[in-house]
Amino acid sequence: MTVLGPFAAIRDGRPAALGGRRQRLVLAALLLARGRMLCADRLQELAWSDAGHVASRATLHGYVAQLRRALEPGHPHRAGELLVREGPGYALRLPAGALDADRFTDGVERGRLLLELGHTAEALSTLDGSLALWRGPAYTGIDAAPFVLPETTRLDGLYATAVELRLAAMLDLGRLPAALSELEAVVIEQPLRERGWELLALARYRAGRQGDALAALRGARTRLAAELGVDPGPALRRMETAILGQDDSLQATTWPGLRTRPRRSGGIAAVTRLRTAAPVESISA
């Protein structure tokens, strides 16, 4: 199933007929339950949470039957392996790796760990593969439903993090022109995320533009104060101090700002676990 963009299910290489918005919300509620059973009453509350009323139980059962036919056309009307009846409700039991958001989440975490461990080229490749899954905004078409909002917020934040990790890897590998161009766009799109400003200042400094690097930090300070009423965090303050002092570490690939946390112990074992994990697969699995 795909949620990193239009909400859809792909069967035999083609989109399954999931019906109208309300029927898709029934499927989304079951999907977000992560395999747990949702009783019929709760499923109705969620799927009709923005309607001002709750449809009849017969309507719900009809939607479930249509979804089952779309997802598992070879199974009898009341049976299935994916969308199953369980006790007083229903559950959606997807196989591991069937949801693009899960593959995206796993890929970003693998990329983060590889970057922390200093395996920068592999981190960049992993993050590129993960970002290729993104066709956002997530849950397009049903993203305004109240019960979907927490998940779309999580995925949007994870996407922004993945972009920042990828750009940090590019700087670590010395790909300055490309990273600098992308960072200029990132801070316009996400002006309240301090990580983007930090990386932009570093990229400008490495490009021999010390004044522009400090201007980026001043811009960050102004936006944060005006829109959030806060001062820059420790990372931006460290960056400003280092630039003013022309710290030699700013030119080194070991600059701590290129990694989110200190390197973990047991690095070889950690990377081995990552390499044996399930790879990021195509969107339409």
Protein backbone atom coordinates (compact mmCIF):
# COMPACT_ATOMS: atom_id res chain seq x y z
CA MET A 1 0.00 0.00 0.00
CA THR A 2 1.13 3.55 -0.67
CA VAL A 3 0.53 6.54 1.59
CA LEU A 4 3.54 8.73 0.74
CA GLY A 5 1.44 10.70 -1.71
CA PRO A 6 -2.03 9.65 -2.91
CA PHE A 7 -3.54 7.00 -0.66
CA ALA A 8 -3.67 3.87 -2.80
CA ALA A 9 -3.28 0.12 -2.92
CA ILE A 10 -1.41 -1.51 -5.79
CA ARG A 11 -2.42 -5.00 -6.87
CA ASP A 12 -0.70 -6.81 -9.74
CA GLY A 13 0.93 -3.56 -10.75
CA ARG A 14 -2.33 -1.63 -10.99
CA PRO A 15 -4.24 0.58 -8.51
CA ALA A 16 -7.03 -1.23 -6.70
CA ALA A 17 -10.49 0.35 -6.76
CA LEU A 18 -10.75 1.63 -3.18
CA GLY A 19 -13.96 3.58 -3.69
CA GLY A 20 -14.82 7.06 -2.48
CA ARG A 21 -13.28 9.12 0.28
CA ARG A 22 -15.34 7.66 3.14
CA GLN A 23 -14.54 4.11 2.14
CA ARG A 24 -10.86 5.05 1.93
CA LEU A 25 -11.08 6.47 5.45
CA VAL A 26 -12.34 3.11 6.68
CA LEU A 27 -9.25 1.50 5.17
CA ALA A 28 -6.96 4.22 6.55
CA ALA A 29 -8.35 3.73 10.07
CA LEU A 30 -7.61 0.01 9.86
CA LEU A 31 -4.16 0.69 8.42
CA LEU A 32 -3.23 3.09 11.23
CA ALA A 33 -4.32 0.49 13.80
CA ARG A 34 -1.17 -1.44 12.77
CA GLY A 35 -2.79 -4.85 12.61
CA ARG A 36 -4.83 -4.45 15.79
CA MET A 37 -8.54 -5.13 15.74
CA LEU A 38 -10.80 -2.08 15.64
CA CYS A 39 -14.28 -2.71 16.92
CA ALA A 40 -17.02 -1.61 14.54
CA ASP A 41 -18.13 1.27 16.77
CA ARG A 42 -14.62 2.73 16.93
CA LEU A 43 -14.11 2.24 13.21
CA GLN A 44 -17.29 4.17 12.52
CA GLU A 45 -16.24 6.99 14.85
CA LEU A 46 -12.90 7.37 13.10
CA ALA A 47 -14.07 7.07 9.50
CA TRP A 48 -16.89 9.56 10.03
CA SER A 49 -15.02 11.83 12.47
CA ASP A 50 -15.28 14.83 10.14
CA ALA A 51 -18.84 14.23 8.96
CA GLY A 52 -20.89 15.42 11.93
CA HIS A 53 -22.70 12.08 12.01
CA VAL A 54 -21.94 8.36 11.97
CA ALA A 55 -23.32 6.18 9.19
CA SER A 56 -25.19 2.97 9.85
CA ARG A 57 -23.50 -0.28 10.66
CA ALA A 58 -24.80 -1.67 7.35
CA THR A 59 -22.94 1.09 5.50
CA LEU A 60 -19.73 0.20 7.31
CA HIS A 61 -20.12 -3.49 6.53
CA GLY A 62 -20.76 -2.62 2.90
CA TYR A 63 -17.59 -0.57 2.71
CA VAL A 64 -15.55 -3.36 4.28
CA ALA A 65 -16.96 -5.88 1.81
CA GLN A 66 -16.06 -3.63 -1.14
CA LEU A 67 -12.55 -3.07 0.22
CA ARG A 68 -12.04 -6.79 0.66
CA ARG A 69 -13.11 -7.43 -2.93
CA ALA A 70 -10.65 -4.75 -4.10
CA LEU A 71 -7.73 -5.99 -2.01
CA GLU A 72 -8.37 -9.74 -2.24
CA PRO A 73 -10.57 -10.48 -5.24
CA GLY A 74 -9.83 -14.20 -5.09
CA HIS A 75 -11.29 -14.67 -1.61
CA PRO A 76 -14.94 -15.32 -0.68
CA HIS A 77 -17.06 -12.32 0.27
CA ARG A 78 -16.74 -12.81 4.04
CA ALA A 79 -13.21 -14.21 4.20
CA GLY A 80 -9.75 -12.89 3.60
CA GLU A 81 -6.16 -12.85 4.71
CA LEU A 82 -5.58 -9.08 4.68
CA LEU A 83 -8.85 -7.52 5.78
CA VAL A 84 -10.24 -9.92 8.36
CA ARG A 85 -13.24 -10.05 10.65
CA GLU A 86 -12.14 -10.47 14.25
CA GLY A 87 -14.48 -10.46 17.24
CA PRO A 88 -16.62 -7.32 17.24
CA GLY A 89 -14.62 -5.60 14.52
CA TYR A 90 -12.05 -5.79 11.76
CA ALA A 91 -8.27 -5.81 11.32
CA LEU A 92 -5.95 -5.17 8.41
CA ARG A 93 -3.03 -7.61 8.42
CA LEU A 94 -0.45 -6.44 5.91
CA PRO A 95 2.75 -8.46 5.36
CA ALA A 96 6.01 -6.89 6.50
CA GLY A 97 7.28 -4.28 4.05
CA ALA A 98 3.95 -3.89 2.28
CA LEU A 99 3.51 -0.27 3.38
CA ASP A 100 5.74 2.37 1.79
CA ALA A 101 5.70 4.50 4.96
CA ASP A 102 7.25 1.64 6.94
CA ARG A 103 10.00 1.17 4.36
CA PHE A 104 10.58 4.92 4.35
CA THR A 105 10.84 5.08 8.15
CA ASP A 106 13.25 2.15 8.27
CA GLY A 107 15.37 3.56 5.46
CA VAL A 108 15.72 6.96 7.08
CA GLU A 109 16.78 5.39 10.36
CA ARG A 110 19.35 3.23 8.56
CA GLY A 111 20.67 6.30 6.78
CA ARG A 112 20.90 8.19 10.05
CA LEU A 113 22.85 5.44 11.76
CA LEU A 114 25.21 4.97 8.81
CA LEU A 115 25.93 8.71 8.82
CA GLU A 116 26.59 8.68 12.56
CA LEU A 117 28.98 5.77 12.11
CA GLY A 118 30.90 7.60 9.38
CA HIS A 119 29.74 5.41 6.45
CA THR A 120 28.79 8.52 4.54
CA ALA A 121 28.59 7.25 0.96
CA GLU A 122 26.39 4.34 2.04
CA ALA A 123 24.27 6.68 4.11
CA LEU A 124 23.73 8.95 1.11
CA SER A 125 22.72 6.02 -1.09
CA THR A 126 20.30 4.75 1.56
CA LEU A 127 18.72 8.16 2.06
CA ASP A 128 18.39 8.68 -1.70
CA GLY A 129 16.54 5.37 -1.91
CA SER A 130 14.24 6.30 0.93
CA LEU A 131 13.44 9.74 -0.45
CA ALA A 132 12.62 8.17 -3.81
CA LEU A 133 9.60 6.61 -2.07
CA TRP A 134 8.19 10.04 -1.23
CA ARG A 135 5.42 11.26 -3.52
CA GLY A 136 3.91 13.43 -0.79
CA PRO A 137 2.11 15.06 0.83
CA ALA A 138 1.34 11.89 2.72
CA TYR A 139 -2.19 10.48 2.61
CA THR A 140 -3.18 12.88 -0.16
CA GLY A 141 -6.95 12.93 -0.53
CA ILE A 142 -7.73 11.98 3.05
CA ASP A 143 -5.01 13.91 4.93
CA ALA A 144 -7.48 16.36 6.49
CA ALA A 145 -9.27 13.65 8.48
CA PRO A 146 -8.63 14.28 12.20
CA PHE A 147 -7.38 10.78 12.98
CA VAL A 148 -4.93 10.89 10.05
CA LEU A 149 -3.30 14.20 11.04
CA PRO A 150 -0.87 12.82 13.68
CA GLU A 151 0.56 10.36 11.16
CA THR A 152 0.88 12.93 8.38
CA THR A 153 2.63 15.26 10.83
CA ARG A 154 5.07 12.48 11.78
CA LEU A 155 5.80 11.61 8.17
CA ASP A 156 6.24 15.24 7.13
CA GLY A 157 8.75 15.71 9.94
CA LEU A 158 10.57 12.52 8.99
CA TYR A 159 10.76 13.67 5.38
CA ALA A 160 12.33 16.97 6.44
CA THR A 161 14.82 15.06 8.60
CA ALA A 162 15.70 12.75 5.71
CA VAL A 163 16.38 15.74 3.45
CA GLU A 164 18.64 17.29 6.10
CA LEU A 165 20.53 14.03 6.68
CA ARG A 166 21.07 13.65 2.94
CA LEU A 167 22.43 17.19 2.66
CA ALA A 168 24.73 16.61 5.63
CA ALA A 169 26.05 13.50 3.87
CA MET A 170 26.63 15.51 0.70
CA LEU A 171 28.64 18.10 2.62
CA ASP A 172 30.58 15.34 4.35
CA LEU A 173 31.49 13.96 0.91
CA GLY A 174 32.54 17.39 -0.37
CA ARG A 175 29.66 17.84 -2.81
CA LEU A 176 29.47 21.52 -2.00
CA PRO A 177 27.85 23.17 -5.08
CA ALA A 178 24.92 20.76 -5.23
CA ALA A 179 24.37 20.83 -1.46
CA LEU A 180 24.53 24.62 -1.34
CA SER A 181 21.91 24.98 -4.07
CA GLU A 182 19.52 22.58 -2.35
CA LEU A 183 20.03 24.14 1.07
CA GLU A 184 19.03 27.57 -0.23
CA ALA A 185 15.66 26.04 -1.16
CA VAL A 186 15.34 24.04 2.07
CA VAL A 187 15.47 27.07 4.37
CA ILE A 188 12.81 28.77 2.26
CA GLU A 189 10.52 25.75 2.51
CA GLN A 190 11.28 25.00 6.18
CA PRO A 191 12.36 28.32 7.76
CA LEU A 192 11.71 27.20 11.35
CA ARG A 193 13.89 24.09 11.22
CA GLU A 194 17.26 25.08 12.66
CA ARG A 195 19.13 22.16 11.10
CA GLY A 196 18.70 23.56 7.61
CA TRP A 197 20.08 26.95 8.62
CA GLU A 198 23.05 25.29 10.33
CA LEU A 199 23.93 23.30 7.22
CA LEU A 200 23.44 26.33 4.97
CA ALA A 201 25.80 28.42 7.08
CA LEU A 202 28.39 25.65 6.98
CA ALA A 203 28.06 25.27 3.20
CA ARG A 204 28.42 29.01 2.61
CA TYR A 205 31.46 29.18 4.86
CA ARG A 206 33.12 26.30 3.02
CA ALA A 207 32.38 28.12 -0.24
CA GLY A 208 34.41 31.08 1.02
CA ARG A 209 31.35 33.17 1.85
CA GLN A 210 31.86 33.91 5.53
CA GLY A 211 29.66 37.02 5.49
CA ASP A 212 26.81 35.12 3.82
CA ALA A 213 27.20 32.32 6.34
CA LEU A 214 26.74 34.77 9.21
CA ALA A 215 23.82 36.36 7.35
CA ALA A 216 22.12 32.94 7.26
CA LEU A 217 22.48 32.64 11.01
CA ARG A 218 21.11 36.15 11.51
CA GLY A 219 18.19 35.25 9.26
CA ALA A 220 17.50 32.17 11.35
CA ARG A 221 17.61 34.21 14.55
CA THR A 222 15.17 36.75 13.12
CA ARG A 223 12.66 34.13 11.91
CA LEU A 224 12.76 32.16 15.15
CA ALA A 225 12.25 35.27 17.25
CA ALA A 226 9.46 36.67 15.08
CA GLU A 227 7.45 33.48 14.61
CA LEU A 228 8.24 31.41 17.70
CA GLY A 229 9.60 33.93 20.18
CA VAL A 230 12.71 31.82 20.83
CA ASP A 231 16.46 32.22 20.42
CA PRO A 232 18.57 29.90 18.27
CA GLY A 233 19.47 26.57 19.82
CA PRO A 234 22.94 25.31 20.82
CA ALA A 235 23.87 24.03 17.35
CA LEU A 236 23.32 27.39 15.68
CA ARG A 237 25.15 29.19 18.49
CA ARG A 238 28.12 26.83 18.13
CA MET A 239 28.14 27.42 14.39
CA GLU A 240 28.18 31.20 14.83
CA THR A 241 31.05 31.02 17.32
CA ALA A 242 33.04 28.75 15.02
CA ILE A 243 32.53 30.99 11.99
CA LEU A 244 33.46 34.15 13.87
CA GLY A 245 36.62 32.42 15.07
CA GLN A 246 37.31 30.85 11.65
CA ASP A 247 37.61 27.52 13.39
CA ASP A 248 39.62 25.03 11.33
CA SER A 249 37.18 22.27 12.23
CA LEU A 250 34.58 23.86 9.95
CA GLN A 251 36.51 22.58 6.93
CA ALA A 252 36.88 19.06 8.26
CA THR A 253 34.55 16.21 7.38
CA THR A 254 34.50 15.43 11.09
CA TRP A 255 32.67 18.67 11.94
CA PRO A 256 30.14 17.45 14.54
CA GLY A 257 27.29 19.33 12.89
CA LEU A 258 27.38 16.85 10.01
CA ARG A 259 26.10 14.13 12.31
CA THR A 260 23.06 14.20 14.55
CA ARG A 261 24.63 12.50 17.55
CA PRO A 262 28.08 11.32 18.64
CA ARG A 263 29.22 8.11 17.03
CA ARG A 264 27.86 5.03 18.71
CA SER A 265 30.01 2.28 20.11
CA GLY A 266 29.91 -1.13 18.46
CA GLY A 267 29.83 0.51 15.04
CA ILE A 268 30.84 -2.52 12.97
CA ALA A 269 28.17 -4.69 14.55
CA ALA A 270 25.55 -1.99 14.08
CA VAL A 271 26.35 -1.59 10.40
CA THR A 272 26.28 -5.35 9.92
CA ARG A 273 22.77 -5.44 11.37
CA LEU A 274 21.72 -2.67 9.02
CA ARG A 275 23.11 -4.42 5.97
CA THR A 276 21.23 -7.62 6.76
CA ALA A 277 17.94 -5.79 7.33
CA ALA A 278 15.25 -5.77 4.66
CA PRO A 279 16.20 -3.34 1.89
CA VAL A 280 14.11 -0.37 0.88
CA GLU A 281 11.78 -1.73 -1.78
CA SER A 282 9.78 -0.16 -4.58
CA ILE A 283 6.74 1.97 -3.88
CA SER A 284 4.25 -0.43 -5.34
CA ALA A 285 4.96 -3.49 -3.21
